[in-house]
């Protein structure tokens, strides 16, 4: 199985999935956790309903993401969500222009020359208690306790040339994220025997490789490893796990973890709407305050306490600042 390709077609209807999708998702659930689960009799039957339930959650989650916002210089001033998440139009275009995932896509055969790119922006919401100035009645007061809201760690996920393809890739990522949560739960199980310790270490390395390959919504390393190299790494780890032998009790425990987690997918990965009332300086205000702008966002959350604001964007590469190559930059500093 190609671990870094989507199993979704893009037009899934809840409750009416083709058997081919269910089969692919079942095998992906095994490949993404512990491939030795195939040695257990009836593993497909035990996984079937949990897998369908997880697909239901993934499809509902991604289909509920709003239509992309056009992220151009002029749009920043007229779209409150862009103005809240990015400090200025220039800052927005600079951050997008330096995003590694976007640059990789634009350099690929699929992205080269494309006029518009659709991607999901994730950003961390930070609230800080500060002392600032405020108008109280007719008087300006200093050192007024306030809450300042900012957004950091901006990153784009799954840039593509169309919204349909972007949603298809996001469904793959959401399903895979559930599998990394299951694998995380597996590697956290305390073990005493030396052979099981070795097994856990191999599974932990597999989890790391899958996360580097985009199997979650977590930030990845700046340098994106080659998918083929990651595929080979995962296959090597799988072979090493198989060489350790099989303990039926351990495999049954692993299968139980996977089925339990997929059966409660809606409590493992979900999105919640949030409304912030912010003034132009991103200071929190009361809803009735004349300076308050209602900012309606969606926040992605998982069972391990991670959360990030989601904002689907439509980006015109021609609006991004030109990138200076390192040779030109070196010459500018040396001469």
C-alpha atoms as a PDB file:
ATOM      1  CA  UNK A   1       0.000   0.000   0.000  1.00  0.00           C
ATOM      2  CA  UNK A   2       1.159   3.502  -0.783  1.00  0.00           C
ATOM      3  CA  UNK A   3       1.237   5.044   2.665  1.00  0.00           C
ATOM      4  CA  UNK A   4       1.328   8.646   1.495  1.00  0.00           C
ATOM      5  CA  UNK A   5      -1.496   8.606  -1.063  1.00  0.00           C
ATOM      6  CA  UNK A   6      -5.176   9.228  -0.380  1.00  0.00           C
ATOM      7  CA  UNK A   7      -7.639   6.335  -0.335  1.00  0.00           C
ATOM      8  CA  UNK A   8     -10.573   8.744  -0.725  1.00  0.00           C
ATOM      9  CA  UNK A   9     -12.187   9.597  -4.037  1.00  0.00           C
ATOM     10  CA  UNK A  10     -13.631  12.950  -3.017  1.00  0.00           C
ATOM     11  CA  UNK A  11     -17.371  12.261  -3.384  1.00  0.00           C
ATOM     12  CA  UNK A  12     -18.063  10.055  -0.365  1.00  0.00           C
ATOM     13  CA  UNK A  13     -21.654   9.949   0.939  1.00  0.00           C
ATOM     14  CA  UNK A  14     -22.069   8.950   4.614  1.00  0.00           C
ATOM     15  CA  UNK A  15     -23.530   5.465   4.907  1.00  0.00           C
ATOM     16  CA  UNK A  16     -23.034   4.647   1.215  1.00  0.00           C
ATOM     17  CA  UNK A  17     -19.362   3.831   0.878  1.00  0.00           C
ATOM     18  CA  UNK A  18     -18.148   1.413  -1.792  1.00  0.00           C
ATOM     19  CA  UNK A  19     -16.661  -1.822  -0.515  1.00  0.00           C
ATOM     20  CA  UNK A  20     -13.405  -0.840  -2.187  1.00  0.00           C
ATOM     21  CA  UNK A  21     -13.054   2.164   0.142  1.00  0.00           C
ATOM     22  CA  UNK A  22     -13.891   0.106   3.233  1.00  0.00           C
ATOM     23  CA  UNK A  23     -11.325  -2.521   2.206  1.00  0.00           C
ATOM     24  CA  UNK A  24      -8.644   0.100   1.550  1.00  0.00           C
ATOM     25  CA  UNK A  25      -9.371   1.856   4.850  1.00  0.00           C
ATOM     26  CA  UNK A  26      -9.231  -1.443   6.743  1.00  0.00           C
ATOM     27  CA  UNK A  27      -5.866  -2.364   5.274  1.00  0.00           C
ATOM     28  CA  UNK A  28      -4.603   1.159   5.863  1.00  0.00           C
ATOM     29  CA  UNK A  29      -5.631   0.902   9.520  1.00  0.00           C
ATOM     30  CA  UNK A  30      -3.490  -2.225   9.797  1.00  0.00           C
ATOM     31  CA  UNK A  31      -0.544  -0.838   7.835  1.00  0.00           C
ATOM     32  CA  UNK A  32      -0.684   2.397   9.826  1.00  0.00           C
ATOM     33  CA  UNK A  33      -0.542   0.684  13.216  1.00  0.00           C
ATOM     34  CA  UNK A  34       0.781  -2.894  13.416  1.00  0.00           C
ATOM     35  CA  UNK A  35       0.859  -4.867  10.154  1.00  0.00           C
ATOM     36  CA  UNK A  36       1.095  -8.110  12.148  1.00  0.00           C
ATOM     37  CA  UNK A  37      -2.612  -7.724  12.955  1.00  0.00           C
ATOM     38  CA  UNK A  38      -3.207  -9.569   9.680  1.00  0.00           C
ATOM     39  CA  UNK A  39      -2.059 -12.720  11.463  1.00  0.00           C
ATOM     40  CA  UNK A  40      -5.173 -12.609  13.647  1.00  0.00           C
ATOM     41  CA  UNK A  41      -8.166 -14.557  12.423  1.00  0.00           C
ATOM     42  CA  UNK A  42     -11.133 -12.319  11.690  1.00  0.00           C
ATOM     43  CA  UNK A  43      -9.243  -9.023  11.921  1.00  0.00           C
ATOM     44  CA  UNK A  44     -11.183  -7.604   8.972  1.00  0.00           C
ATOM     45  CA  UNK A  45     -14.537  -8.410  10.562  1.00  0.00           C
ATOM     46  CA  UNK A  46     -13.528  -6.812  13.865  1.00  0.00           C
ATOM     47  CA  UNK A  47     -12.289  -3.680  12.123  1.00  0.00           C
ATOM     48  CA  UNK A  48     -15.168  -3.237   9.676  1.00  0.00           C
ATOM     49  CA  UNK A  49     -17.652  -1.245  11.790  1.00  0.00           C
ATOM     50  CA  UNK A  50     -14.976   0.842  13.585  1.00  0.00           C
ATOM     51  CA  UNK A  51     -13.456   1.723  10.195  1.00  0.00           C
ATOM     52  CA  UNK A  52     -16.843   2.736   8.750  1.00  0.00           C
ATOM     53  CA  UNK A  53     -17.501   4.839  11.855  1.00  0.00           C
ATOM     54  CA  UNK A  54     -14.127   6.548  11.455  1.00  0.00           C
ATOM     55  CA  UNK A  55     -14.820   7.251   7.771  1.00  0.00           C
ATOM     56  CA  UNK A  56     -18.159   8.801   8.786  1.00  0.00           C
ATOM     57  CA  UNK A  57     -16.362  11.178  11.146  1.00  0.00           C
ATOM     58  CA  UNK A  58     -13.637  12.044   8.650  1.00  0.00           C
ATOM     59  CA  UNK A  59     -16.106  12.798   5.847  1.00  0.00           C
ATOM     60  CA  UNK A  60     -18.332  14.902   8.125  1.00  0.00           C
ATOM     61  CA  UNK A  61     -15.343  16.790   9.526  1.00  0.00           C
ATOM     62  CA  UNK A  62     -13.832  17.729   6.173  1.00  0.00           C
ATOM     63  CA  UNK A  63     -17.127  18.406   4.401  1.00  0.00           C
ATOM     64  CA  UNK A  64     -18.016  20.898   7.168  1.00  0.00           C
ATOM     65  CA  UNK A  65     -14.920  23.005   6.518  1.00  0.00           C
ATOM     66  CA  UNK A  66     -16.126  26.297   4.950  1.00  0.00           C
ATOM     67  CA  UNK A  67     -15.313  27.365   1.416  1.00  0.00           C
ATOM     68  CA  UNK A  68     -11.810  28.817   0.969  1.00  0.00           C
ATOM     69  CA  UNK A  69     -11.165  32.520   1.510  1.00  0.00           C
ATOM     70  CA  UNK A  70      -9.277  34.391  -1.177  1.00  0.00           C
ATOM     71  CA  UNK A  71      -6.021  35.417   0.495  1.00  0.00           C
ATOM     72  CA  UNK A  72      -4.883  38.403  -1.550  1.00  0.00           C
ATOM     73  CA  UNK A  73      -3.463  41.745  -0.468  1.00  0.00           C
ATOM     74  CA  UNK A  74      -6.805  43.515  -0.949  1.00  0.00           C
ATOM     75  CA  UNK A  75      -8.725  40.787   0.859  1.00  0.00           C
ATOM     76  CA  UNK A  76      -6.846  41.254   4.125  1.00  0.00           C
ATOM     77  CA  UNK A  77      -8.481  44.609   4.818  1.00  0.00           C
ATOM     78  CA  UNK A  78     -12.012  43.483   3.976  1.00  0.00           C
ATOM     79  CA  UNK A  79     -12.055  39.984   5.502  1.00  0.00           C
ATOM     80  CA  UNK A  80     -12.088  40.077   9.357  1.00  0.00           C
ATOM     81  CA  UNK A  81     -10.795  36.515   9.668  1.00  0.00           C
ATOM     82  CA  UNK A  82      -7.694  37.269   7.614  1.00  0.00           C
ATOM     83  CA  UNK A  83      -7.160  40.516   9.531  1.00  0.00           C
ATOM     84  CA  UNK A  84      -7.342  38.637  12.835  1.00  0.00           C
ATOM     85  CA  UNK A  85      -5.065  35.737  11.897  1.00  0.00           C
ATOM     86  CA  UNK A  86      -2.437  37.846  10.068  1.00  0.00           C
ATOM     87  CA  UNK A  87      -1.143  41.166  11.409  1.00  0.00           C
ATOM     88  CA  UNK A  88      -1.045  42.790   7.947  1.00  0.00           C
ATOM     89  CA  UNK A  89      -1.437  42.007   4.265  1.00  0.00           C
ATOM     90  CA  UNK A  90       2.331  42.066   3.836  1.00  0.00           C
ATOM     91  CA  UNK A  91       2.826  39.717   6.778  1.00  0.00           C
ATOM     92  CA  UNK A  92       0.211  37.342   5.350  1.00  0.00           C
ATOM     93  CA  UNK A  93       1.789  37.166   1.903  1.00  0.00           C
ATOM     94  CA  UNK A  94       5.272  36.843   3.369  1.00  0.00           C
ATOM     95  CA  UNK A  95       4.257  33.945   5.625  1.00  0.00           C
ATOM     96  CA  UNK A  96       2.436  32.182   2.805  1.00  0.00           C
ATOM     97  CA  UNK A  97       5.324  32.792   0.423  1.00  0.00           C
ATOM     98  CA  UNK A  98       7.759  31.110   2.828  1.00  0.00           C
ATOM     99  CA  UNK A  99       5.569  28.094   3.586  1.00  0.00           C
ATOM    100  CA  UNK A 100       7.491  24.922   2.764  1.00  0.00           C
ATOM    101  CA  UNK A 101       4.456  22.871   1.729  1.00  0.00           C
ATOM    102  CA  UNK A 102       3.323  25.588  -0.681  1.00  0.00           C
ATOM    103  CA  UNK A 103       6.806  26.016  -2.143  1.00  0.00           C
ATOM    104  CA  UNK A 104       7.129  22.264  -2.649  1.00  0.00           C
ATOM    105  CA  UNK A 105       3.776  22.150  -4.429  1.00  0.00           C
ATOM    106  CA  UNK A 106       4.576  25.104  -6.693  1.00  0.00           C
ATOM    107  CA  UNK A 107       7.849  23.414  -7.664  1.00  0.00           C
ATOM    108  CA  UNK A 108       6.097  20.127  -8.493  1.00  0.00           C
ATOM    109  CA  UNK A 109       4.726  19.183 -11.940  1.00  0.00           C
ATOM    110  CA  UNK A 110       1.167  19.528 -10.590  1.00  0.00           C
ATOM    111  CA  UNK A 111       1.739  22.986  -9.158  1.00  0.00           C
ATOM    112  CA  UNK A 112       4.092  24.567 -11.650  1.00  0.00           C
ATOM    113  CA  UNK A 113       2.312  27.427 -13.418  1.00  0.00           C
ATOM    114  CA  UNK A 114      -0.991  27.046 -11.557  1.00  0.00           C
ATOM    115  CA  UNK A 115      -2.939  30.285 -11.152  1.00  0.00           C
ATOM    116  CA  UNK A 116      -4.650  29.412  -7.862  1.00  0.00           C
ATOM    117  CA  UNK A 117      -3.773  27.135  -4.972  1.00  0.00           C
ATOM    118  CA  UNK A 118      -6.192  25.831  -2.354  1.00  0.00           C
ATOM    119  CA  UNK A 119      -4.819  24.815   1.044  1.00  0.00           C
ATOM    120  CA  UNK A 120      -5.867  24.580   4.677  1.00  0.00           C
ATOM    121  CA  UNK A 121      -4.133  27.024   6.996  1.00  0.00           C
ATOM    122  CA  UNK A 122      -3.562  25.958  10.596  1.00  0.00           C
ATOM    123  CA  UNK A 123      -2.485  28.464  13.241  1.00  0.00           C
ATOM    124  CA  UNK A 124      -2.107  28.345  17.009  1.00  0.00           C
ATOM    125  CA  UNK A 125      -4.324  30.762  18.947  1.00  0.00           C
ATOM    126  CA  UNK A 126      -2.513  32.478  21.840  1.00  0.00           C
ATOM    127  CA  UNK A 127      -4.167  34.627  24.504  1.00  0.00           C
ATOM    128  CA  UNK A 128      -2.038  36.886  26.731  1.00  0.00           C
ATOM    129  CA  UNK A 129      -2.966  38.993  29.722  1.00  0.00           C
ATOM    130  CA  UNK A 130      -1.600  42.506  29.201  1.00  0.00           C
ATOM    131  CA  UNK A 131      -1.972  46.018  30.582  1.00  0.00           C
ATOM    132  CA  UNK A 132      -3.027  48.525  27.946  1.00  0.00           C
ATOM    133  CA  UNK A 133      -4.823  51.778  27.298  1.00  0.00           C
ATOM    134  CA  UNK A 134      -8.596  51.942  27.053  1.00  0.00           C
ATOM    135  CA  UNK A 135     -11.370  54.467  26.857  1.00  0.00           C
ATOM    136  CA  UNK A 136     -13.513  54.271  29.992  1.00  0.00           C
ATOM    137  CA  UNK A 137     -16.407  56.682  29.702  1.00  0.00           C
ATOM    138  CA  UNK A 138     -14.847  59.899  28.447  1.00  0.00           C
ATOM    139  CA  UNK A 139     -11.410  59.225  29.911  1.00  0.00           C
ATOM    140  CA  UNK A 140      -8.400  57.379  28.537  1.00  0.00           C
ATOM    141  CA  UNK A 141      -6.985  55.089  31.209  1.00  0.00           C
ATOM    142  CA  UNK A 142      -3.638  53.343  31.329  1.00  0.00           C
ATOM    143  CA  UNK A 143      -2.721  49.946  32.720  1.00  0.00           C
ATOM    144  CA  UNK A 144      -6.144  48.487  32.014  1.00  0.00           C
ATOM    145  CA  UNK A 145      -6.129  44.645  32.175  1.00  0.00           C
ATOM    146  CA  UNK A 146      -6.792  43.286  28.702  1.00  0.00           C
ATOM    147  CA  UNK A 147      -6.572  40.019  26.773  1.00  0.00           C
ATOM    148  CA  UNK A 148      -4.558  40.198  23.542  1.00  0.00           C
ATOM    149  CA  UNK A 149      -5.154  37.470  20.959  1.00  0.00           C
ATOM    150  CA  UNK A 150      -2.484  36.473  18.468  1.00  0.00           C
ATOM    151  CA  UNK A 151      -1.936  33.620  16.041  1.00  0.00           C
ATOM    152  CA  UNK A 152       1.372  31.818  15.611  1.00  0.00           C
ATOM    153  CA  UNK A 153       2.875  28.752  13.920  1.00  0.00           C
ATOM    154  CA  UNK A 154       1.048  29.387  10.643  1.00  0.00           C
ATOM    155  CA  UNK A 155       1.361  26.440   8.272  1.00  0.00           C
ATOM    156  CA  UNK A 156      -0.400  25.219   5.152  1.00  0.00           C
ATOM    157  CA  UNK A 157      -1.624  21.667   4.675  1.00  0.00           C
ATOM    158  CA  UNK A 158      -2.133  19.837   1.404  1.00  0.00           C
ATOM    159  CA  UNK A 159      -1.801  22.635  -1.183  1.00  0.00           C
ATOM    160  CA  UNK A 160      -3.492  21.612  -4.429  1.00  0.00           C
ATOM    161  CA  UNK A 161      -4.818  23.188  -7.609  1.00  0.00           C
ATOM    162  CA  UNK A 162      -8.483  22.608  -6.697  1.00  0.00           C
ATOM    163  CA  UNK A 163     -10.763  22.650  -3.669  1.00  0.00           C
ATOM    164  CA  UNK A 164     -12.034  19.156  -4.480  1.00  0.00           C
ATOM    165  CA  UNK A 165      -8.533  17.693  -4.415  1.00  0.00           C
ATOM    166  CA  UNK A 166      -7.693  19.623  -1.234  1.00  0.00           C
ATOM    167  CA  UNK A 167     -10.674  18.103   0.577  1.00  0.00           C
ATOM    168  CA  UNK A 168      -9.762  14.635  -0.693  1.00  0.00           C
ATOM    169  CA  UNK A 169      -6.271  14.998   0.738  1.00  0.00           C
ATOM    170  CA  UNK A 170      -7.616  16.368   4.024  1.00  0.00           C
ATOM    171  CA  UNK A 171      -9.830  13.296   4.416  1.00  0.00           C
ATOM    172  CA  UNK A 172      -6.751  11.151   3.988  1.00  0.00           C
ATOM    173  CA  UNK A 173      -4.897  13.230   6.576  1.00  0.00           C
ATOM    174  CA  UNK A 174      -7.780  13.111   9.072  1.00  0.00           C
ATOM    175  CA  UNK A 175      -8.139   9.321   8.778  1.00  0.00           C
ATOM    176  CA  UNK A 176      -4.393   8.882   9.092  1.00  0.00           C
ATOM    177  CA  UNK A 177      -4.356  11.185  12.122  1.00  0.00           C
ATOM    178  CA  UNK A 178      -6.750   8.805  13.871  1.00  0.00           C
ATOM    179  CA  UNK A 179      -4.341   5.961  13.107  1.00  0.00           C
ATOM    180  CA  UNK A 180      -1.390   7.876  14.565  1.00  0.00           C
ATOM    181  CA  UNK A 181      -3.458   8.430  17.718  1.00  0.00           C
ATOM    182  CA  UNK A 182      -4.064   4.668  17.881  1.00  0.00           C
ATOM    183  CA  UNK A 183      -0.381   3.922  17.299  1.00  0.00           C
ATOM    184  CA  UNK A 184       0.547   6.476  19.966  1.00  0.00           C
ATOM    185  CA  UNK A 185      -1.723   4.671  22.407  1.00  0.00           C
ATOM    186  CA  UNK A 186      -0.073   1.360  21.485  1.00  0.00           C
ATOM    187  CA  UNK A 187       3.486   2.609  22.073  1.00  0.00           C
ATOM    188  CA  UNK A 188       2.484   4.140  25.408  1.00  0.00           C
ATOM    189  CA  UNK A 189       1.478   0.767  26.839  1.00  0.00           C
ATOM    190  CA  UNK A 190       3.941  -0.104  29.570  1.00  0.00           C
ATOM    191  CA  UNK A 191       5.955  -3.262  28.906  1.00  0.00           C
ATOM    192  CA  UNK A 192       8.494  -5.191  30.949  1.00  0.00           C
ATOM    193  CA  UNK A 193       9.825  -7.948  28.685  1.00  0.00           C
ATOM    194  CA  UNK A 194      12.899  -7.147  26.608  1.00  0.00           C
ATOM    195  CA  UNK A 195      11.350  -8.379  23.350  1.00  0.00           C
ATOM    196  CA  UNK A 196       8.277  -6.218  23.906  1.00  0.00           C
ATOM    197  CA  UNK A 197      10.486  -3.222  24.672  1.00  0.00           C
ATOM    198  CA  UNK A 198      12.222  -3.709  21.316  1.00  0.00           C
ATOM    199  CA  UNK A 199       8.811  -4.013  19.647  1.00  0.00           C
ATOM    200  CA  UNK A 200       7.616  -0.781  21.245  1.00  0.00           C
ATOM    201  CA  UNK A 201      10.751   1.045  20.098  1.00  0.00           C
ATOM    202  CA  UNK A 202      10.197  -0.081  16.507  1.00  0.00           C
ATOM    203  CA  UNK A 203       6.556   1.015  16.636  1.00  0.00           C
ATOM    204  CA  UNK A 204       7.610   4.385  18.035  1.00  0.00           C
ATOM    205  CA  UNK A 205      10.047   4.836  15.143  1.00  0.00           C
ATOM    206  CA  UNK A 206       7.257   3.902  12.745  1.00  0.00           C
ATOM    207  CA  UNK A 207       4.996   6.519  14.334  1.00  0.00           C
ATOM    208  CA  UNK A 208       7.715   9.135  13.892  1.00  0.00           C
ATOM    209  CA  UNK A 209       8.162   8.227  10.217  1.00  0.00           C
ATOM    210  CA  UNK A 210       4.422   8.403   9.535  1.00  0.00           C
ATOM    211  CA  UNK A 211       4.104  11.785  11.230  1.00  0.00           C
ATOM    212  CA  UNK A 212       7.024  13.125   9.185  1.00  0.00           C
ATOM    213  CA  UNK A 213       5.148  11.977   6.109  1.00  0.00           C
ATOM    214  CA  UNK A 214       2.060  14.027   6.959  1.00  0.00           C
ATOM    215  CA  UNK A 215      -0.026  11.414   8.752  1.00  0.00           C
ATOM    216  CA  UNK A 216      -1.275  14.011  11.234  1.00  0.00           C
ATOM    217  CA  UNK A 217      -2.110  17.675  11.676  1.00  0.00           C
ATOM    218  CA  UNK A 218       0.999  18.239  13.791  1.00  0.00           C
ATOM    219  CA  UNK A 219       3.806  20.527  12.553  1.00  0.00           C
ATOM    220  CA  UNK A 220       6.467  18.650  10.608  1.00  0.00           C
ATOM    221  CA  UNK A 221      10.171  19.246  10.252  1.00  0.00           C
ATOM    222  CA  UNK A 222      11.263  22.081   7.971  1.00  0.00           C
ATOM    223  CA  UNK A 223      12.903  19.625   5.561  1.00  0.00           C
ATOM    224  CA  UNK A 224      10.271  17.304   4.131  1.00  0.00           C
ATOM    225  CA  UNK A 225      11.658  13.776   3.676  1.00  0.00           C
ATOM    226  CA  UNK A 226      11.151  12.052   0.362  1.00  0.00           C
ATOM    227  CA  UNK A 227       7.920   9.963   0.444  1.00  0.00           C
ATOM    228  CA  UNK A 228       9.686   7.041  -1.221  1.00  0.00           C
ATOM    229  CA  UNK A 229      12.380   7.087   1.464  1.00  0.00           C
ATOM    230  CA  UNK A 230       9.751   7.191   4.204  1.00  0.00           C
ATOM    231  CA  UNK A 231       7.846   4.337   2.561  1.00  0.00           C
ATOM    232  CA  UNK A 232      11.051   2.285   2.531  1.00  0.00           C
ATOM    233  CA  UNK A 233      11.736   3.171   6.172  1.00  0.00           C
ATOM    234  CA  UNK A 234       8.262   2.051   7.245  1.00  0.00           C
ATOM    235  CA  UNK A 235       8.593  -1.190   5.277  1.00  0.00           C
ATOM    236  CA  UNK A 236      11.957  -1.882   6.927  1.00  0.00           C
ATOM    237  CA  UNK A 237      10.498  -1.296  10.383  1.00  0.00           C
ATOM    238  CA  UNK A 238       7.564  -3.573   9.535  1.00  0.00           C
ATOM    239  CA  UNK A 239       9.966  -6.321   8.484  1.00  0.00           C
ATOM    240  CA  UNK A 240      11.945  -5.920  11.710  1.00  0.00           C
ATOM    241  CA  UNK A 241       8.735  -6.178  13.723  1.00  0.00           C
ATOM    242  CA  UNK A 242       7.766  -9.366  11.901  1.00  0.00           C
ATOM    243  CA  UNK A 243      11.189 -10.822  12.631  1.00  0.00           C
ATOM    244  CA  UNK A 244      10.557 -10.436  16.356  1.00  0.00           C
ATOM    245  CA  UNK A 245       7.845 -13.066  16.163  1.00  0.00           C
ATOM    246  CA  UNK A 246       4.253 -12.784  17.247  1.00  0.00           C
ATOM    247  CA  UNK A 247       2.596 -12.909  20.626  1.00  0.00           C
ATOM    248  CA  UNK A 248      -1.122 -13.506  20.111  1.00  0.00           C
ATOM    249  CA  UNK A 249      -2.048 -11.789  23.360  1.00  0.00           C
ATOM    250  CA  UNK A 250      -0.074  -8.685  22.382  1.00  0.00           C
ATOM    251  CA  UNK A 251      -1.600  -8.570  18.904  1.00  0.00           C
ATOM    252  CA  UNK A 252      -5.119  -8.943  20.300  1.00  0.00           C
ATOM    253  CA  UNK A 253      -4.373  -6.047  22.661  1.00  0.00           C
ATOM    254  CA  UNK A 254      -3.145  -3.916  19.749  1.00  0.00           C
ATOM    255  CA  UNK A 255      -6.237  -4.753  17.677  1.00  0.00           C
ATOM    256  CA  UNK A 256      -8.457  -3.827  20.615  1.00  0.00           C
ATOM    257  CA  UNK A 257      -6.734  -0.441  20.890  1.00  0.00           C
ATOM    258  CA  UNK A 258      -7.261   0.260  17.179  1.00  0.00           C
ATOM    259  CA  UNK A 259     -10.919  -0.808  17.164  1.00  0.00           C
ATOM    260  CA  UNK A 260     -11.695   1.117  20.353  1.00  0.00           C
ATOM    261  CA  UNK A 261     -10.137   4.324  19.073  1.00  0.00           C
ATOM    262  CA  UNK A 262     -11.770   4.194  15.637  1.00  0.00           C
ATOM    263  CA  UNK A 263     -15.117   3.429  17.293  1.00  0.00           C
ATOM    264  CA  UNK A 264     -14.912   6.731  19.141  1.00  0.00           C
ATOM    265  CA  UNK A 265     -13.462   8.774  16.272  1.00  0.00           C
ATOM    266  CA  UNK A 266     -15.703  11.766  17.011  1.00  0.00           C
ATOM    267  CA  UNK A 267     -14.109  12.029  20.469  1.00  0.00           C
ATOM    268  CA  UNK A 268     -10.595  11.680  19.077  1.00  0.00           C
ATOM    269  CA  UNK A 269     -10.624  14.308  16.305  1.00  0.00           C
ATOM    270  CA  UNK A 270     -13.230  17.015  15.838  1.00  0.00           C
ATOM    271  CA  UNK A 271     -13.781  20.690  15.032  1.00  0.00           C
ATOM    272  CA  UNK A 272     -15.629  23.306  17.070  1.00  0.00           C
ATOM    273  CA  UNK A 273     -16.857  26.749  16.013  1.00  0.00           C
ATOM    274  CA  UNK A 274     -15.495  29.644  18.042  1.00  0.00           C
ATOM    275  CA  UNK A 275     -16.464  33.313  17.980  1.00  0.00           C
ATOM    276  CA  UNK A 276     -13.985  35.958  19.104  1.00  0.00           C
ATOM    277  CA  UNK A 277     -14.915  39.595  19.612  1.00  0.00           C
ATOM    278  CA  UNK A 278     -11.788  41.546  18.759  1.00  0.00           C
ATOM    279  CA  UNK A 279     -10.992  45.186  18.114  1.00  0.00           C
ATOM    280  CA  UNK A 280      -8.602  46.200  15.279  1.00  0.00           C
ATOM    281  CA  UNK A 281      -5.638  45.574  17.634  1.00  0.00           C
ATOM    282  CA  UNK A 282      -6.838  42.006  18.355  1.00  0.00           C
ATOM    283  CA  UNK A 283      -7.834  42.903  21.916  1.00  0.00           C
ATOM    284  CA  UNK A 284     -10.788  40.932  23.243  1.00  0.00           C
ATOM    285  CA  UNK A 285     -13.939  43.006  23.732  1.00  0.00           C
ATOM    286  CA  UNK A 286     -17.470  42.455  24.932  1.00  0.00           C
ATOM    287  CA  UNK A 287     -19.865  41.515  22.145  1.00  0.00           C
ATOM    288  CA  UNK A 288     -21.792  44.778  22.604  1.00  0.00           C
ATOM    289  CA  UNK A 289     -18.639  46.937  22.388  1.00  0.00           C
ATOM    290  CA  UNK A 290     -18.808  49.179  19.263  1.00  0.00           C
ATOM    291  CA  UNK A 291     -15.136  48.406  18.557  1.00  0.00           C
ATOM    292  CA  UNK A 292     -15.682  44.649  18.585  1.00  0.00           C
ATOM    293  CA  UNK A 293     -15.581  42.668  15.359  1.00  0.00           C
ATOM    294  CA  UNK A 294     -17.149  39.186  15.538  1.00  0.00           C
ATOM    295  CA  UNK A 295     -14.553  36.737  14.212  1.00  0.00           C
ATOM    296  CA  UNK A 296     -16.038  33.325  13.476  1.00  0.00           C
ATOM    297  CA  UNK A 297     -13.495  30.530  13.158  1.00  0.00           C
ATOM    298  CA  UNK A 298     -13.273  26.756  13.344  1.00  0.00           C
ATOM    299  CA  UNK A 299     -10.835  25.139  15.738  1.00  0.00           C
ATOM    300  CA  UNK A 300      -9.518  21.629  15.112  1.00  0.00           C
ATOM    301  CA  UNK A 301      -9.025  19.583  18.294  1.00  0.00           C
ATOM    302  CA  UNK A 302      -7.905  16.102  19.240  1.00  0.00           C
ATOM    303  CA  UNK A 303      -8.172  13.916  22.320  1.00  0.00           C
ATOM    304  CA  UNK A 304      -4.585  14.630  23.344  1.00  0.00           C
ATOM    305  CA  UNK A 305      -5.317  18.294  23.935  1.00  0.00           C
ATOM    306  CA  UNK A 306      -3.936  19.694  20.704  1.00  0.00           C
ATOM    307  CA  UNK A 307      -5.872  22.487  19.012  1.00  0.00           C
ATOM    308  CA  UNK A 308      -5.380  24.775  16.035  1.00  0.00           C
ATOM    309  CA  UNK A 309      -7.510  27.284  14.164  1.00  0.00           C
ATOM    310  CA  UNK A 310      -8.441  26.182  10.636  1.00  0.00           C
ATOM    311  CA  UNK A 311      -8.798  28.613   7.753  1.00  0.00           C
ATOM    312  CA  UNK A 312      -9.142  27.294   4.172  1.00  0.00           C
ATOM    313  CA  UNK A 313      -7.426  29.638   1.729  1.00  0.00           C
ATOM    314  CA  UNK A 314      -7.297  30.265  -1.997  1.00  0.00           C
ATOM    315  CA  UNK A 315      -3.898  31.717  -2.895  1.00  0.00           C
ATOM    316  CA  UNK A 316      -2.720  33.337  -6.126  1.00  0.00           C
ATOM    317  CA  UNK A 317       1.013  32.547  -6.479  1.00  0.00           C
ATOM    318  CA  UNK A 318       1.530  35.758  -8.471  1.00  0.00           C
ATOM    319  CA  UNK A 319       0.697  37.786  -5.348  1.00  0.00           C
ATOM    320  CA  UNK A 320       3.414  36.147  -3.281  1.00  0.00           C
ATOM    321  CA  UNK A 321       6.708  38.019  -2.867  1.00  0.00           C
ATOM    322  CA  UNK A 322       9.498  36.844  -5.137  1.00  0.00           C
ATOM    323  CA  UNK A 323      11.965  34.568  -3.382  1.00  0.00           C
ATOM    324  CA  UNK A 324      15.634  35.444  -3.578  1.00  0.00           C
ATOM    325  CA  UNK A 325      17.930  32.532  -4.326  1.00  0.00           C
ATOM    326  CA  UNK A 326      20.875  31.966  -2.000  1.00  0.00           C
ATOM    327  CA  UNK A 327      23.483  32.901  -4.643  1.00  0.00           C
ATOM    328  CA  UNK A 328      21.912  36.332  -5.178  1.00  0.00           C
ATOM    329  CA  UNK A 329      21.580  36.839  -1.431  1.00  0.00           C
ATOM    330  CA  UNK A 330      25.236  35.937  -0.869  1.00  0.00           C
ATOM    331  CA  UNK A 331      26.390  38.320  -3.596  1.00  0.00           C
ATOM    332  CA  UNK A 332      24.319  41.131  -2.098  1.00  0.00           C
ATOM    333  CA  UNK A 333      26.013  40.695   1.274  1.00  0.00           C
ATOM    334  CA  UNK A 334      29.527  40.089  -0.052  1.00  0.00           C
ATOM    335  CA  UNK A 335      29.803  42.835  -2.663  1.00  0.00           C
END
